[in-house]
Amino acid sequence: MPNIKSAIKRVSVTAKKTEVNKQQKSAVRTDIKKARTAVANGAPDAKETVDKAMVRIDKAASKGYMHKNTAARKKSRLAKALNTAE
């Protein structure tokens, strides 16, 4: 454990930010998984599920939970899967 007051605060702040980042990344992964499953099963609401996942990906990229190129790649692959399924 650090002894300096600013270092103690950094540990605390980093722990909080790490927890939030983990929750956000998990939510994005869950939405992507739901979208892929909907597309693979040919669900009637697959387009809405994919759209919801894309919005979540955009928000994650804008807030820094995910790199913008990673977000673009994931959105592209989702769109490609949806178009192929249709």
Protein backbone atom coordinates (compact mmCIF):
# COMPACT_ATOMS: atom_id res chain seq x y z
CA MET A 1 0.00 0.00 0.00
CA PRO A 2 1.20 3.49 -0.78
CA ASN A 3 2.01 5.93 2.00
CA ILE A 4 1.63 9.18 0.10
CA LYS A 5 -1.83 10.74 0.14
CA SER A 6 -2.03 11.31 -3.63
CA ALA A 7 -0.91 7.74 -4.33
CA ILE A 8 -3.57 6.40 -1.95
CA LYS A 9 -6.19 8.42 -3.83
CA ARG A 10 -4.94 7.16 -7.20
CA VAL A 11 -5.35 3.56 -6.03
CA SER A 12 -8.91 4.29 -4.94
CA VAL A 13 -9.86 6.16 -8.11
CA THR A 14 -8.29 3.52 -10.34
CA ALA A 15 -10.22 0.76 -8.58
CA LYS A 16 -13.52 2.61 -9.11
CA LYS A 17 -12.78 3.35 -12.75
CA THR A 18 -11.72 -0.26 -13.35
CA GLU A 19 -15.04 -1.49 -11.96
CA VAL A 20 -17.05 0.84 -14.19
CA ASN A 21 -14.98 -0.11 -17.25
CA LYS A 22 -15.54 -3.81 -16.56
CA GLN A 23 -19.30 -3.31 -16.28
CA GLN A 24 -19.46 -1.35 -19.51
CA LYS A 25 -17.31 -3.81 -21.46
CA SER A 26 -19.41 -6.68 -20.15
CA ALA A 27 -22.62 -4.94 -21.25
CA VAL A 28 -21.20 -4.39 -24.74
CA ARG A 29 -20.12 -8.04 -25.00
CA THR A 30 -23.56 -9.18 -23.85
CA ASP A 31 -25.35 -7.08 -26.46
CA ILE A 32 -23.02 -8.31 -29.21
CA LYS A 33 -23.61 -11.90 -28.16
CA LYS A 34 -27.39 -11.39 -28.17
CA ALA A 35 -27.21 -9.82 -31.63
CA ARG A 36 -25.09 -12.65 -33.04
CA THR A 37 -27.45 -15.24 -31.56
CA ALA A 38 -30.51 -13.45 -32.98
CA VAL A 39 -28.93 -13.29 -36.43
CA ALA A 40 -27.81 -16.93 -36.33
CA ASN A 41 -31.25 -18.17 -35.26
CA GLY A 42 -33.06 -15.98 -37.77
CA ALA A 43 -35.07 -14.22 -35.07
CA PRO A 44 -37.72 -11.80 -36.35
CA ASP A 45 -36.30 -9.01 -34.17
CA ALA A 46 -32.70 -9.56 -35.29
CA LYS A 47 -32.44 -6.12 -36.93
CA GLU A 48 -33.59 -4.33 -33.76
CA THR A 49 -31.16 -6.39 -31.65
CA VAL A 50 -28.27 -5.55 -33.97
CA ASP A 51 -29.23 -1.87 -33.96
CA LYS A 52 -29.27 -1.87 -30.16
CA ALA A 53 -25.83 -3.51 -30.08
CA MET A 54 -24.47 -0.94 -32.54
CA VAL A 55 -25.74 1.93 -30.39
CA ARG A 56 -24.10 0.35 -27.33
CA ILE A 57 -20.83 -0.06 -29.27
CA ASP A 58 -20.93 3.60 -30.39
CA LYS A 59 -21.48 4.79 -26.83
CA ALA A 60 -18.66 2.59 -25.54
CA ALA A 61 -16.28 3.97 -28.16
CA SER A 62 -17.26 7.58 -27.47
CA LYS A 63 -16.68 7.17 -23.73
CA GLY A 64 -13.35 5.43 -24.17
CA TYR A 65 -14.34 1.92 -23.07
CA MET A 66 -13.37 0.65 -26.51
CA HIS A 67 -11.05 1.94 -29.22
CA LYS A 68 -12.86 3.56 -32.16
CA ASN A 69 -11.36 1.14 -34.69
CA THR A 70 -12.38 -1.85 -32.60
CA ALA A 71 -15.90 -0.43 -32.44
CA ALA A 72 -15.98 0.08 -36.21
CA ARG A 73 -14.76 -3.47 -36.79
CA LYS A 74 -17.38 -4.99 -34.49
CA LYS A 75 -20.17 -2.93 -36.07
CA SER A 76 -19.02 -3.92 -39.54
CA ARG A 77 -19.00 -7.61 -38.69
CA LEU A 78 -22.45 -7.40 -37.13
CA ALA A 79 -23.84 -5.61 -40.19
CA LYS A 80 -22.21 -8.13 -42.50
CA ALA A 81 -23.68 -11.04 -40.53
CA LEU A 82 -27.14 -9.44 -40.60
CA ASN A 83 -26.99 -8.78 -44.35
CA THR A 84 -25.78 -12.30 -45.07
CA ALA A 85 -28.59 -13.79 -42.97
CA GLU A 86 -31.22 -11.79 -44.84
